[in-house]
Amino acid sequence: MSETANANGKRPIEDYELLVGLAREADVIAEHAKKVARRNEELATDIVKAAKDTNALAREAEFNAVQAWDKAKKATPEDVDFEALKKKQAFEDEIKLAEKEAVDAEAAGEFGGAEPATFEYTGFANDDNPANLELEELFRGGVFKFESGTYAATGQVEQCIVPGPNGRRNDIFEQKELFKRCTPRFFFNGDHKQWRRVAPPDWVPAA
């Protein structure tokens, strides 16, 4: 173990300390993955139940439809071609459906077809996660700013949070839970003493 101070007057991080930090980070990732897996299992259970309920409703609706057609046929006068009447009704229903689909497609293109807005500072799309919006506001207020880093394992560009012109280093410590709630979430890099995550493609820090 070395107690020799480096140029900054601090004891350099030992290899075992770095490995402990990486192991802890792996624990955090594993716990997050388990939570996601449990949530997906719950969703799968809900989906299976919904499918069974929907199938039961479909069978009931089909039975009611058969009964309704039987009543309609019995009520139709003998001089009326019942099968031709059915085909005419089916054709009219198809026309109505096609018109509705065209209107829906036009509305989607005008109102819902656009890509979700991209945050100015993080560069990620707005996924309605409140933590992402809160983080963006902190950057806009100058509490934080980004530095560009490199993820050593893959060479990818990283977003590194540092104090902004209106922030202090202690602000970063106080907001660590926020960083974990963001999507994608940030992880603490013990070597650089920074909260970091891989940046979106073509991202550069905002001036």
N, C-alpha and C. Protein backbone atom coordinates (compact mmCIF):
# COMPACT_ATOMS: atom_id res chain seq x y z
N MET A 1 0.86 -1.19 0.00
CA MET A 1 0.00 0.00 0.00
C MET A 1 0.89 1.23 0.00
N SER A 2 0.55 2.19 -0.87
CA SER A 2 1.37 3.40 -0.98
C SER A 2 0.69 4.55 -0.27
N GLU A 3 1.50 5.29 0.53
CA GLU A 3 0.99 6.48 1.21
C GLU A 3 1.58 7.74 0.60
N THR A 4 2.31 7.59 -0.52
CA THR A 4 2.97 8.73 -1.16
C THR A 4 1.94 9.62 -1.82
N ALA A 5 2.01 10.93 -1.58
CA ALA A 5 1.06 11.87 -2.17
C ALA A 5 1.47 12.16 -3.61
N ASN A 6 0.46 12.41 -4.47
CA ASN A 6 0.75 12.76 -5.85
C ASN A 6 0.95 14.27 -5.98
N ALA A 7 1.01 14.77 -7.22
CA ALA A 7 1.28 16.19 -7.45
C ALA A 7 0.19 17.09 -6.86
N ASN A 8 -0.99 16.56 -6.69
CA ASN A 8 -2.09 17.34 -6.13
C ASN A 8 -2.15 17.26 -4.62
N GLY A 9 -1.19 16.58 -4.02
CA GLY A 9 -1.17 16.46 -2.57
C GLY A 9 -2.11 15.41 -2.03
N LYS A 10 -2.62 14.53 -2.91
CA LYS A 10 -3.55 13.49 -2.48
C LYS A 10 -2.92 12.12 -2.69
N ARG A 11 -3.32 11.20 -1.83
CA ARG A 11 -2.82 9.83 -1.98
C ARG A 11 -3.43 9.19 -3.21
N PRO A 12 -2.65 8.62 -4.09
CA PRO A 12 -3.21 7.99 -5.28
C PRO A 12 -4.10 6.80 -4.93
N ILE A 13 -5.09 6.57 -5.76
CA ILE A 13 -6.01 5.45 -5.53
C ILE A 13 -5.30 4.14 -5.81
N GLU A 14 -5.37 3.23 -4.84
CA GLU A 14 -4.76 1.92 -5.02
C GLU A 14 -5.60 1.06 -5.97
N ASP A 15 -4.95 0.08 -6.58
CA ASP A 15 -5.65 -0.80 -7.51
C ASP A 15 -6.83 -1.50 -6.85
N TYR A 16 -6.63 -1.94 -5.61
CA TYR A 16 -7.71 -2.67 -4.94
C TYR A 16 -8.89 -1.75 -4.66
N GLU A 17 -8.60 -0.46 -4.38
CA GLU A 17 -9.69 0.49 -4.14
C GLU A 17 -10.50 0.72 -5.41
N LEU A 18 -9.80 0.80 -6.53
CA LEU A 18 -10.49 0.96 -7.81
C LEU A 18 -11.36 -0.26 -8.11
N LEU A 19 -10.84 -1.44 -7.82
CA LEU A 19 -11.60 -2.67 -8.07
C LEU A 19 -12.83 -2.76 -7.16
N VAL A 20 -12.66 -2.31 -5.91
CA VAL A 20 -13.81 -2.28 -5.00
C VAL A 20 -14.89 -1.35 -5.54
N GLY A 21 -14.46 -0.19 -6.05
CA GLY A 21 -15.42 0.75 -6.62
C GLY A 21 -16.14 0.16 -7.83
N LEU A 22 -15.39 -0.53 -8.69
CA LEU A 22 -16.00 -1.16 -9.86
C LEU A 22 -16.95 -2.28 -9.46
N ALA A 23 -16.57 -3.03 -8.41
CA ALA A 23 -17.45 -4.10 -7.93
C ALA A 23 -18.75 -3.53 -7.39
N ARG A 24 -18.63 -2.41 -6.65
CA ARG A 24 -19.84 -1.78 -6.13
C ARG A 24 -20.73 -1.29 -7.26
N GLU A 25 -20.13 -0.72 -8.28
CA GLU A 25 -20.89 -0.26 -9.43
C GLU A 25 -21.59 -1.43 -10.11
N ALA A 26 -20.90 -2.59 -10.17
CA ALA A 26 -21.52 -3.78 -10.75
C ALA A 26 -22.70 -4.24 -9.92
N ASP A 27 -22.59 -4.11 -8.56
CA ASP A 27 -23.72 -4.44 -7.68
C ASP A 27 -24.92 -3.56 -7.99
N VAL A 28 -24.67 -2.28 -8.17
CA VAL A 28 -25.76 -1.33 -8.45
C VAL A 28 -26.46 -1.70 -9.76
N ILE A 29 -25.66 -2.02 -10.77
CA ILE A 29 -26.23 -2.41 -12.07
C ILE A 29 -27.05 -3.68 -11.93
N ALA A 30 -26.51 -4.65 -11.15
CA ALA A 30 -27.23 -5.91 -10.97
C ALA A 30 -28.56 -5.71 -10.26
N GLU A 31 -28.56 -4.86 -9.21
CA GLU A 31 -29.80 -4.58 -8.49
C GLU A 31 -30.82 -3.92 -9.40
N HIS A 32 -30.35 -2.98 -10.21
CA HIS A 32 -31.26 -2.31 -11.15
C HIS A 32 -31.84 -3.32 -12.15
N ALA A 33 -30.98 -4.23 -12.64
CA ALA A 33 -31.45 -5.23 -13.60
C ALA A 33 -32.48 -6.15 -12.98
N LYS A 34 -32.29 -6.52 -11.70
CA LYS A 34 -33.25 -7.38 -11.03
C LYS A 34 -34.59 -6.67 -10.86
N LYS A 35 -34.54 -5.38 -10.53
CA LYS A 35 -35.78 -4.62 -10.38
C LYS A 35 -36.54 -4.55 -11.71
N VAL A 36 -35.79 -4.32 -12.79
CA VAL A 36 -36.41 -4.28 -14.11
C VAL A 36 -37.02 -5.63 -14.46
N ALA A 37 -36.29 -6.71 -14.13
CA ALA A 37 -36.79 -8.05 -14.43
C ALA A 37 -38.08 -8.34 -13.67
N ARG A 38 -38.11 -7.95 -12.38
CA ARG A 38 -39.33 -8.16 -11.59
C ARG A 38 -40.50 -7.36 -12.16
N ARG A 39 -40.21 -6.12 -12.56
CA ARG A 39 -41.27 -5.29 -13.14
C ARG A 39 -41.79 -5.90 -14.44
N ASN A 40 -40.88 -6.43 -15.26
CA ASN A 40 -41.29 -7.05 -16.52
C ASN A 40 -42.10 -8.32 -16.27
N GLU A 41 -41.74 -9.08 -15.21
CA GLU A 41 -42.53 -10.26 -14.87
C GLU A 41 -43.95 -9.87 -14.48
N GLU A 42 -44.05 -8.79 -13.70
CA GLU A 42 -45.38 -8.31 -13.31
C GLU A 42 -46.18 -7.86 -14.52
N LEU A 43 -45.51 -7.17 -15.44
CA LEU A 43 -46.18 -6.72 -16.66
C LEU A 43 -46.63 -7.91 -17.49
N ALA A 44 -45.77 -8.95 -17.57
CA ALA A 44 -46.11 -10.14 -18.35
C ALA A 44 -47.34 -10.83 -17.76
N THR A 45 -47.40 -10.90 -16.42
CA THR A 45 -48.56 -11.51 -15.76
C THR A 45 -49.83 -10.73 -16.08
N ASP A 46 -49.72 -9.41 -16.02
CA ASP A 46 -50.88 -8.56 -16.32
C ASP A 46 -51.32 -8.73 -17.78
N ILE A 47 -50.33 -8.85 -18.69
CA ILE A 47 -50.65 -9.01 -20.11
C ILE A 47 -51.37 -10.33 -20.37
N VAL A 48 -50.88 -11.41 -19.73
CA VAL A 48 -51.53 -12.72 -19.90
C VAL A 48 -52.96 -12.68 -19.39
N LYS A 49 -53.16 -12.06 -18.22
CA LYS A 49 -54.52 -11.95 -17.67
C LYS A 49 -55.41 -11.13 -18.59
N ALA A 50 -54.87 -10.01 -19.10
CA ALA A 50 -55.66 -9.17 -20.01
C ALA A 50 -56.03 -9.93 -21.28
N ALA A 51 -55.08 -10.76 -21.78
CA ALA A 51 -55.35 -11.55 -22.99
C ALA A 51 -56.47 -12.56 -22.75
N LYS A 52 -56.44 -13.21 -21.59
CA LYS A 52 -57.50 -14.18 -21.26
C LYS A 52 -58.85 -13.48 -21.15
N ASP A 53 -58.86 -12.33 -20.47
CA ASP A 53 -60.12 -11.59 -20.32
C ASP A 53 -60.64 -11.13 -21.68
N THR A 54 -59.73 -10.69 -22.55
CA THR A 54 -60.13 -10.22 -23.87
C THR A 54 -60.68 -11.37 -24.71
N ASN A 55 -60.05 -12.53 -24.61
CA ASN A 55 -60.54 -13.70 -25.35
C ASN A 55 -61.94 -14.08 -24.89
N ALA A 56 -62.18 -13.99 -23.58
CA ALA A 56 -63.52 -14.30 -23.06
C ALA A 56 -64.54 -13.30 -23.60
N LEU A 57 -64.18 -12.04 -23.63
CA LEU A 57 -65.08 -11.02 -24.18
C LEU A 57 -65.32 -11.25 -25.66
N ALA A 58 -64.28 -11.67 -26.38
CA ALA A 58 -64.42 -11.91 -27.82
C ALA A 58 -65.37 -13.07 -28.09
N ARG A 59 -65.26 -14.13 -27.28
CA ARG A 59 -66.17 -15.27 -27.46
C ARG A 59 -67.61 -14.87 -27.17
N GLU A 60 -67.79 -14.07 -26.13
CA GLU A 60 -69.14 -13.60 -25.80
C GLU A 60 -69.70 -12.70 -26.90
N ALA A 61 -68.84 -11.80 -27.43
CA ALA A 61 -69.28 -10.92 -28.51
C ALA A 61 -69.64 -11.71 -29.77
N GLU A 62 -68.85 -12.75 -30.06
CA GLU A 62 -69.13 -13.59 -31.24
C GLU A 62 -70.48 -14.30 -31.09
N PHE A 63 -70.72 -14.81 -29.88
CA PHE A 63 -72.01 -15.48 -29.63
C PHE A 63 -73.17 -14.50 -29.80
N ASN A 64 -73.00 -13.29 -29.27
CA ASN A 64 -74.06 -12.29 -29.39
C ASN A 64 -74.29 -11.90 -30.85
N ALA A 65 -73.20 -11.85 -31.64
CA ALA A 65 -73.33 -11.51 -33.05
C ALA A 65 -74.12 -12.58 -33.80
N VAL A 66 -73.83 -13.84 -33.50
CA VAL A 66 -74.58 -14.93 -34.16
C VAL A 66 -76.06 -14.84 -33.81
N GLN A 67 -76.36 -14.57 -32.55
CA GLN A 67 -77.75 -14.45 -32.14
C GLN A 67 -78.43 -13.25 -32.82
N ALA A 68 -77.68 -12.14 -32.94
CA ALA A 68 -78.26 -10.94 -33.56
C ALA A 68 -78.56 -11.18 -35.04
N TRP A 69 -77.64 -11.85 -35.75
CA TRP A 69 -77.89 -12.14 -37.17
C TRP A 69 -79.07 -13.09 -37.33
N ASP A 70 -79.21 -14.04 -36.43
CA ASP A 70 -80.33 -14.98 -36.51
C ASP A 70 -81.65 -14.25 -36.32
N LYS A 71 -81.70 -13.31 -35.39
CA LYS A 71 -82.93 -12.53 -35.17
C LYS A 71 -83.23 -11.65 -36.38
N ALA A 72 -82.17 -11.03 -36.95
CA ALA A 72 -82.37 -10.18 -38.11
C ALA A 72 -82.90 -10.97 -39.29
N LYS A 73 -82.37 -12.18 -39.49
CA LYS A 73 -82.82 -13.01 -40.62
C LYS A 73 -84.29 -13.40 -40.46
N LYS A 74 -84.69 -13.74 -39.24
CA LYS A 74 -86.07 -14.15 -38.99
C LYS A 74 -87.03 -12.97 -39.19
N ALA A 75 -86.54 -11.76 -38.90
CA ALA A 75 -87.40 -10.59 -39.02
C ALA A 75 -87.47 -10.05 -40.45
N THR A 76 -86.58 -10.50 -41.34
CA THR A 76 -86.54 -9.99 -42.71
C THR A 76 -87.65 -10.64 -43.54
N PRO A 77 -88.45 -9.83 -44.28
CA PRO A 77 -89.53 -10.40 -45.13
C PRO A 77 -88.96 -11.38 -46.18
N GLU A 78 -89.77 -12.32 -46.57
CA GLU A 78 -89.32 -13.36 -47.50
C GLU A 78 -88.97 -12.79 -48.87
N ASP A 79 -89.55 -11.65 -49.26
CA ASP A 79 -89.27 -11.09 -50.57
C ASP A 79 -88.00 -10.25 -50.60
N VAL A 80 -87.28 -10.17 -49.47
CA VAL A 80 -86.03 -9.42 -49.40
C VAL A 80 -84.85 -10.40 -49.39
N ASP A 81 -83.86 -10.14 -50.26
CA ASP A 81 -82.67 -11.00 -50.33
C ASP A 81 -81.78 -10.70 -49.11
N PHE A 82 -81.86 -11.55 -48.12
CA PHE A 82 -81.14 -11.33 -46.87
C PHE A 82 -79.63 -11.35 -47.07
N GLU A 83 -79.10 -12.28 -47.88
CA GLU A 83 -77.66 -12.38 -48.09
C GLU A 83 -77.12 -11.14 -48.81
N ALA A 84 -77.89 -10.63 -49.78
CA ALA A 84 -77.48 -9.41 -50.48
C ALA A 84 -77.47 -8.22 -49.52
N LEU A 85 -78.43 -8.21 -48.60
CA LEU A 85 -78.51 -7.14 -47.62
C LEU A 85 -77.29 -7.18 -46.69
N LYS A 86 -76.86 -8.40 -46.32
CA LYS A 86 -75.68 -8.55 -45.47
C LYS A 86 -74.43 -8.02 -46.18
N LYS A 87 -74.28 -8.37 -47.47
CA LYS A 87 -73.11 -7.93 -48.23
C LYS A 87 -73.10 -6.40 -48.37
N LYS A 88 -74.27 -5.81 -48.62
CA LYS A 88 -74.37 -4.36 -48.74
C LYS A 88 -73.96 -3.68 -47.44
N GLN A 89 -74.42 -4.23 -46.30
CA GLN A 89 -74.08 -3.66 -45.00
C GLN A 89 -72.57 -3.78 -44.72
N ALA A 90 -71.99 -4.94 -45.08
CA ALA A 90 -70.56 -5.16 -44.87
C ALA A 90 -69.73 -4.19 -45.71
N PHE A 91 -70.18 -3.93 -46.96
CA PHE A 91 -69.48 -3.00 -47.85
C PHE A 91 -69.52 -1.59 -47.27
N GLU A 92 -70.68 -1.18 -46.78
CA GLU A 92 -70.80 0.16 -46.19
C GLU A 92 -69.93 0.30 -44.94
N ASP A 93 -69.84 -0.77 -44.14
CA ASP A 93 -68.99 -0.74 -42.95
C ASP A 93 -67.52 -0.60 -43.33
N GLU A 94 -67.10 -1.26 -44.40
CA GLU A 94 -65.71 -1.16 -44.86
C GLU A 94 -65.38 0.25 -45.32
N ILE A 95 -66.33 0.89 -45.99
CA ILE A 95 -66.13 2.27 -46.44
C ILE A 95 -65.96 3.20 -45.24
N LYS A 96 -66.82 3.04 -44.25
CA LYS A 96 -66.74 3.87 -43.04
C LYS A 96 -65.41 3.67 -42.32
N LEU A 97 -64.96 2.41 -42.24
CA LEU A 97 -63.70 2.11 -41.56
C LEU A 97 -62.52 2.73 -42.30
N ALA A 98 -62.54 2.63 -43.64
CA ALA A 98 -61.46 3.21 -44.45
C ALA A 98 -61.41 4.72 -44.27
N GLU A 99 -62.57 5.36 -44.24
CA GLU A 99 -62.62 6.82 -44.04
C GLU A 99 -62.07 7.20 -42.67
N LYS A 100 -62.41 6.42 -41.63
CA LYS A 100 -61.92 6.71 -40.28
C LYS A 100 -60.40 6.54 -40.21
N GLU A 101 -59.88 5.47 -40.83
CA GLU A 101 -58.44 5.23 -40.81
C GLU A 101 -57.69 6.35 -41.53
N ALA A 102 -58.29 6.87 -42.62
CA ALA A 102 -57.64 7.96 -43.34
C ALA A 102 -57.58 9.23 -42.49
N VAL A 103 -58.68 9.51 -41.78
CA VAL A 103 -58.72 10.68 -40.90
C VAL A 103 -57.71 10.52 -39.76
N ASP A 104 -57.65 9.31 -39.17
CA ASP A 104 -56.71 9.06 -38.07
C ASP A 104 -55.27 9.20 -38.54
N ALA A 105 -54.98 8.70 -39.74
CA ALA A 105 -53.62 8.78 -40.28
C ALA A 105 -53.21 10.23 -40.51
N GLU A 106 -54.15 11.03 -41.02
CA GLU A 106 -53.86 12.44 -41.26
C GLU A 106 -53.61 13.17 -39.94
N ALA A 107 -54.43 12.85 -38.92
CA ALA A 107 -54.26 13.49 -37.61
C ALA A 107 -52.94 13.09 -36.98
N ALA A 108 -52.55 11.83 -37.15
CA ALA A 108 -51.27 11.37 -36.58
C ALA A 108 -50.10 12.08 -37.25
N GLY A 109 -50.21 12.30 -38.54
CA GLY A 109 -49.14 12.99 -39.25
C GLY A 109 -49.02 14.43 -38.84
N GLU A 110 -50.15 15.05 -38.46
CA GLU A 110 -50.14 16.47 -38.11
C GLU A 110 -49.79 16.70 -36.65
N PHE A 111 -50.29 15.79 -35.76
CA PHE A 111 -50.14 16.04 -34.33
C PHE A 111 -49.25 15.03 -33.62
N GLY A 112 -49.27 13.78 -34.05
CA GLY A 112 -48.56 12.76 -33.28
C GLY A 112 -47.42 12.11 -34.00
N GLY A 113 -47.14 12.52 -35.21
CA GLY A 113 -46.11 11.83 -35.97
C GLY A 113 -44.72 12.36 -35.75
N ALA A 114 -44.60 13.51 -35.12
CA ALA A 114 -43.28 14.11 -34.95
C ALA A 114 -42.49 13.37 -33.89
N GLU A 115 -41.17 13.43 -34.02
CA GLU A 115 -40.29 12.83 -33.03
C GLU A 115 -40.41 13.62 -31.73
N PRO A 116 -40.27 12.92 -30.57
CA PRO A 116 -40.31 13.65 -29.29
C PRO A 116 -39.20 14.67 -29.22
N ALA A 117 -39.46 15.77 -28.52
CA ALA A 117 -38.49 16.86 -28.42
C ALA A 117 -37.21 16.37 -27.77
N THR A 118 -36.10 16.92 -28.21
CA THR A 118 -34.79 16.56 -27.66
C THR A 118 -34.34 17.66 -26.70
N PHE A 119 -33.85 17.25 -25.53
CA PHE A 119 -33.38 18.22 -24.55
C PHE A 119 -32.14 18.94 -25.07
N GLU A 120 -32.07 20.23 -24.78
CA GLU A 120 -30.99 21.07 -25.29
C GLU A 120 -29.64 20.66 -24.71
N TYR A 121 -29.58 20.38 -23.42
CA TYR A 121 -28.29 20.14 -22.77
C TYR A 121 -27.88 18.67 -22.78
N THR A 122 -28.83 17.76 -22.49
CA THR A 122 -28.45 16.34 -22.43
C THR A 122 -28.40 15.69 -23.81
N GLY A 123 -29.18 16.23 -24.75
CA GLY A 123 -29.18 15.66 -26.09
C GLY A 123 -30.05 14.43 -26.24
N PHE A 124 -30.71 13.98 -25.16
CA PHE A 124 -31.60 12.82 -25.23
C PHE A 124 -33.03 13.28 -25.47
N ALA A 125 -33.84 12.40 -26.07
CA ALA A 125 -35.24 12.71 -26.32
C ALA A 125 -36.02 12.75 -25.02
N ASN A 126 -37.02 13.60 -24.96
CA ASN A 126 -37.89 13.70 -23.78
C ASN A 126 -38.79 12.47 -23.70
N ASP A 127 -38.56 11.64 -22.69
CA ASP A 127 -39.36 10.43 -22.52
C ASP A 127 -40.36 10.57 -21.38
N ASP A 128 -40.64 11.82 -20.99
CA ASP A 128 -41.62 12.13 -19.93
C ASP A 128 -41.16 11.67 -18.55
N ASN A 129 -39.87 11.38 -18.39
CA ASN A 129 -39.33 11.07 -17.07
C ASN A 129 -39.12 12.40 -16.34
N PRO A 130 -39.82 12.65 -15.21
CA PRO A 130 -39.68 13.93 -14.50
C PRO A 130 -38.24 14.24 -14.10
N ALA A 131 -37.46 13.20 -13.81
CA ALA A 131 -36.06 13.43 -13.41
C ALA A 131 -35.27 14.06 -14.55
N ASN A 132 -35.55 13.67 -15.78
CA ASN A 132 -34.84 14.24 -16.93
C ASN A 132 -35.15 15.73 -17.08
N LEU A 133 -36.41 16.07 -16.87
CA LEU A 133 -36.81 17.48 -16.96
C LEU A 133 -36.17 18.29 -15.85
N GLU A 134 -36.13 17.73 -14.63
CA GLU A 134 -35.51 18.43 -13.50
C GLU A 134 -34.03 18.65 -13.76
N LEU A 135 -33.35 17.64 -14.30
CA LEU A 135 -31.93 17.77 -14.61
C LEU A 135 -31.70 18.86 -15.65
N GLU A 136 -32.53 18.88 -16.68
CA GLU A 136 -32.38 19.88 -17.74
C GLU A 136 -32.51 21.29 -17.18
N GLU A 137 -33.44 21.47 -16.24
CA GLU A 137 -33.63 22.79 -15.64
C GLU A 137 -32.41 23.20 -14.82
N LEU A 138 -31.76 22.25 -14.16
CA LEU A 138 -30.55 22.56 -13.39
C LEU A 138 -29.42 22.99 -14.32
N PHE A 139 -29.35 22.37 -15.49
CA PHE A 139 -28.34 22.78 -16.47
C PHE A 139 -28.69 24.16 -17.03
N ARG A 140 -29.96 24.39 -17.31
CA ARG A 140 -30.38 25.67 -17.85
C ARG A 140 -30.11 26.80 -16.85
N GLY A 141 -30.23 26.50 -15.57
CA GLY A 141 -29.98 27.50 -14.54
C GLY A 141 -28.51 27.67 -14.21
N GLY A 142 -27.64 26.92 -14.86
CA GLY A 142 -26.21 27.07 -14.64
C GLY A 142 -25.70 26.40 -13.39
N VAL A 143 -26.53 25.56 -12.73
CA VAL A 143 -26.07 24.85 -11.54
C VAL A 143 -25.05 23.78 -11.94
N PHE A 144 -25.31 23.12 -13.06
CA PHE A 144 -24.40 22.10 -13.58
C PHE A 144 -24.01 22.44 -15.01
N LYS A 145 -22.94 21.83 -15.45
CA LYS A 145 -22.58 21.84 -16.86
C LYS A 145 -21.92 20.50 -17.17
N PHE A 146 -21.79 20.20 -18.45
CA PHE A 146 -21.18 18.94 -18.87
C PHE A 146 -19.75 19.17 -19.35
N GLU A 147 -18.90 18.20 -19.01
CA GLU A 147 -17.62 18.04 -19.67
C GLU A 147 -17.67 16.76 -20.47
N SER A 148 -16.91 16.69 -21.51
CA SER A 148 -16.86 15.48 -22.32
C SER A 148 -15.78 14.55 -21.80
N GLY A 149 -16.13 13.29 -21.63
CA GLY A 149 -15.17 12.27 -21.19
C GLY A 149 -15.20 11.08 -22.12
N THR A 150 -14.44 10.06 -21.78
CA THR A 150 -14.37 8.86 -22.60
C THR A 150 -14.59 7.63 -21.73
N TYR A 151 -15.50 6.75 -22.16
CA TYR A 151 -15.74 5.50 -21.45
C TYR A 151 -14.63 4.54 -21.86
N ALA A 152 -13.73 4.24 -20.90
CA ALA A 152 -12.51 3.51 -21.22
C ALA A 152 -12.77 2.15 -21.86
N ALA A 153 -13.84 1.48 -21.45
CA ALA A 153 -14.09 0.12 -21.93
C ALA A 153 -14.43 0.07 -23.41
N THR A 154 -15.09 1.12 -23.93
CA THR A 154 -15.56 1.09 -25.32
C THR A 154 -15.07 2.26 -26.16
N GLY A 155 -14.50 3.28 -25.50
CA GLY A 155 -14.08 4.47 -26.24
C GLY A 155 -15.22 5.42 -26.57
N GLN A 156 -16.42 5.18 -26.02
CA GLN A 156 -17.57 6.05 -26.29
C GLN A 156 -17.44 7.36 -25.53
N VAL A 157 -18.06 8.40 -26.08
CA VAL A 157 -18.08 9.71 -25.43
C VAL A 157 -19.01 9.65 -24.23
N GLU A 158 -18.59 10.25 -23.13
CA GLU A 158 -19.40 10.29 -21.92
C GLU A 158 -19.79 11.73 -21.57
N GLN A 159 -20.96 11.86 -20.94
CA GLN A 159 -21.38 13.12 -20.36
C GLN A 159 -20.94 13.14 -18.90
N CYS A 160 -20.10 14.10 -18.51
CA CYS A 160 -19.55 14.18 -17.16
C CYS A 160 -20.08 15.44 -16.48
N ILE A 161 -20.78 15.27 -15.37
CA ILE A 161 -21.37 16.41 -14.68
C ILE A 161 -20.33 17.11 -13.81
N VAL A 162 -20.24 18.43 -13.98
CA VAL A 162 -19.35 19.26 -13.15
C VAL A 162 -20.16 20.50 -12.74
N PRO A 163 -19.70 21.22 -11.70
CA PRO A 163 -20.44 22.43 -11.29
C PRO A 163 -20.47 23.47 -12.41
N GLY A 164 -21.62 24.12 -12.57
CA GLY A 164 -21.77 25.18 -13.55
C GLY A 164 -21.40 26.52 -12.94
N PRO A 165 -21.57 27.60 -13.68
CA PRO A 165 -21.21 28.94 -13.17
C PRO A 165 -22.02 29.35 -11.95
N ASN A 166 -23.21 28.76 -11.77
CA ASN A 166 -24.05 29.11 -10.61
C ASN A 166 -24.13 27.96 -9.60
N GLY A 167 -23.22 27.01 -9.72
CA GLY A 167 -23.29 25.85 -8.85
C GLY A 167 -22.03 25.63 -8.04
N ARG A 168 -22.13 24.70 -7.09
CA ARG A 168 -21.00 24.32 -6.26
C ARG A 168 -20.80 22.81 -6.37
N ARG A 169 -19.64 22.33 -5.98
CA ARG A 169 -19.40 20.90 -6.04
C ARG A 169 -20.35 20.15 -5.11
N ASN A 170 -20.74 20.80 -4.01
CA ASN A 170 -21.66 20.16 -3.07
C ASN A 170 -23.03 19.94 -3.69
N ASP A 171 -23.40 20.77 -4.70
CA ASP A 171 -24.68 20.58 -5.39
C ASP A 171 -24.72 19.22 -6.07
N ILE A 172 -23.58 18.79 -6.57
CA ILE A 172 -23.51 17.49 -7.24
C ILE A 172 -23.79 16.38 -6.24
N PHE A 173 -23.18 16.47 -5.05
CA PHE A 173 -23.41 15.48 -4.01
C PHE A 173 -24.89 15.45 -3.61
N GLU A 174 -25.50 16.61 -3.49
CA GLU A 174 -26.89 16.69 -3.03
C GLU A 174 -27.88 16.14 -4.06
N GLN A 175 -27.47 16.11 -5.33
CA GLN A 175 -28.38 15.66 -6.39
C GLN A 175 -28.05 14.26 -6.90
N LYS A 176 -27.27 13.49 -6.14
CA LYS A 176 -26.86 12.18 -6.62
C LYS A 176 -28.04 11.23 -6.86
N GLU A 177 -29.09 11.34 -6.04
CA GLU A 177 -30.27 10.48 -6.24
C GLU A 177 -31.00 10.84 -7.54
N LEU A 178 -30.98 12.13 -7.87
CA LEU A 178 -31.57 12.57 -9.13
C LEU A 178 -30.84 11.94 -10.31
N PHE A 179 -29.51 11.92 -10.24
CA PHE A 179 -28.73 11.36 -11.34
C PHE A 179 -29.08 9.88 -11.56
N LYS A 180 -29.39 9.18 -10.47
CA LYS A 180 -29.73 7.76 -10.58
C LYS A 180 -31.10 7.55 -11.21
N ARG A 181 -32.00 8.54 -11.03
CA ARG A 181 -33.36 8.40 -11.56
C ARG A 181 -33.46 8.79 -13.02
N CYS A 182 -32.43 9.46 -13.54
CA CYS A 182 -32.48 9.88 -14.94
C CYS A 182 -32.42 8.69 -15.87
N THR A 183 -32.92 8.88 -17.08
CA THR A 183 -32.81 7.84 -18.11
C THR A 183 -32.16 8.43 -19.35
N PRO A 184 -31.04 7.84 -19.78
CA PRO A 184 -30.27 6.80 -19.09
C PRO A 184 -29.70 7.33 -17.78
N ARG A 185 -29.49 6.45 -16.80
CA ARG A 185 -29.01 6.90 -15.50
C ARG A 185 -27.51 7.16 -15.54
N PHE A 186 -27.06 7.95 -14.59
CA PHE A 186 -25.64 8.22 -14.42
C PHE A 186 -25.04 7.24 -13.42
N PHE A 187 -23.74 6.96 -13.58
CA PHE A 187 -23.00 6.13 -12.63
C PHE A 187 -21.79 6.92 -12.14
N PHE A 188 -21.44 6.70 -10.87
CA PHE A 188 -20.31 7.43 -10.30
C PHE A 188 -19.01 6.75 -10.71
N ASN A 189 -18.13 7.53 -11.32
CA ASN A 189 -16.81 7.04 -11.71
C ASN A 189 -15.82 7.39 -10.60
N GLY A 190 -15.39 6.36 -9.86
CA GLY A 190 -14.52 6.59 -8.72
C GLY A 190 -13.15 7.09 -9.12
N ASP A 191 -12.70 6.75 -10.31
CA ASP A 191 -11.37 7.18 -10.75
C ASP A 191 -11.35 8.68 -11.00
N HIS A 192 -12.41 9.17 -11.65
CA HIS A 192 -12.47 10.60 -11.99
C HIS A 192 -13.31 11.41 -10.99
N LYS A 193 -13.94 10.70 -10.03
CA LYS A 193 -14.79 11.37 -9.03
C LYS A 193 -15.88 12.19 -9.72
N GLN A 194 -16.54 11.58 -10.69
CA GLN A 194 -17.59 12.25 -11.45
C GLN A 194 -18.76 11.32 -11.68
N TRP A 195 -19.96 11.92 -11.82
CA TRP A 195 -21.13 11.17 -12.28
C TRP A 195 -21.13 11.23 -13.81
N ARG A 196 -21.16 10.05 -14.42
CA ARG A 196 -21.01 9.98 -15.87
C ARG A 196 -22.01 8.99 -16.49
N ARG A 197 -22.27 9.20 -17.78
CA ARG A 197 -23.02 8.22 -18.58
C ARG A 197 -22.63 8.40 -20.03
N VAL A 198 -22.87 7.37 -20.83
CA VAL A 198 -22.55 7.44 -22.25
C VAL A 198 -23.48 8.44 -22.92
N ALA A 199 -22.91 9.32 -23.72
CA ALA A 199 -23.67 10.39 -24.38
C ALA A 199 -24.40 9.85 -25.61
N PRO A 200 -25.45 10.53 -26.06
CA PRO A 200 -26.12 10.14 -27.30
C PRO A 200 -25.22 10.39 -28.50
N PRO A 201 -25.51 9.77 -29.64
CA PRO A 201 -24.66 9.96 -30.83
C PRO A 201 -24.53 11.43 -31.22
N ASP A 202 -23.31 11.80 -31.63
CA ASP A 202 -23.03 13.15 -32.14
C ASP A 202 -23.22 14.25 -31.09
N TRP A 203 -23.23 13.89 -29.81
CA TRP A 203 -23.43 14.89 -28.76
C TRP A 203 -22.14 15.67 -28.51
N VAL A 204 -22.28 16.96 -28.30
CA VAL A 204 -21.17 17.81 -27.85
C VAL A 204 -21.71 18.68 -26.71
N PRO A 205 -20.89 19.02 -25.71
CA PRO A 205 -21.40 19.85 -24.60
C PRO A 205 -21.89 21.20 -25.10
N ALA A 206 -23.02 21.65 -24.54
CA ALA A 206 -23.56 22.97 -24.91
C ALA A 206 -22.62 24.05 -24.42
N ALA A 207 -22.49 25.08 -25.23
CA ALA A 207 -21.57 26.19 -24.85
C ALA A 207 -22.16 26.96 -23.67
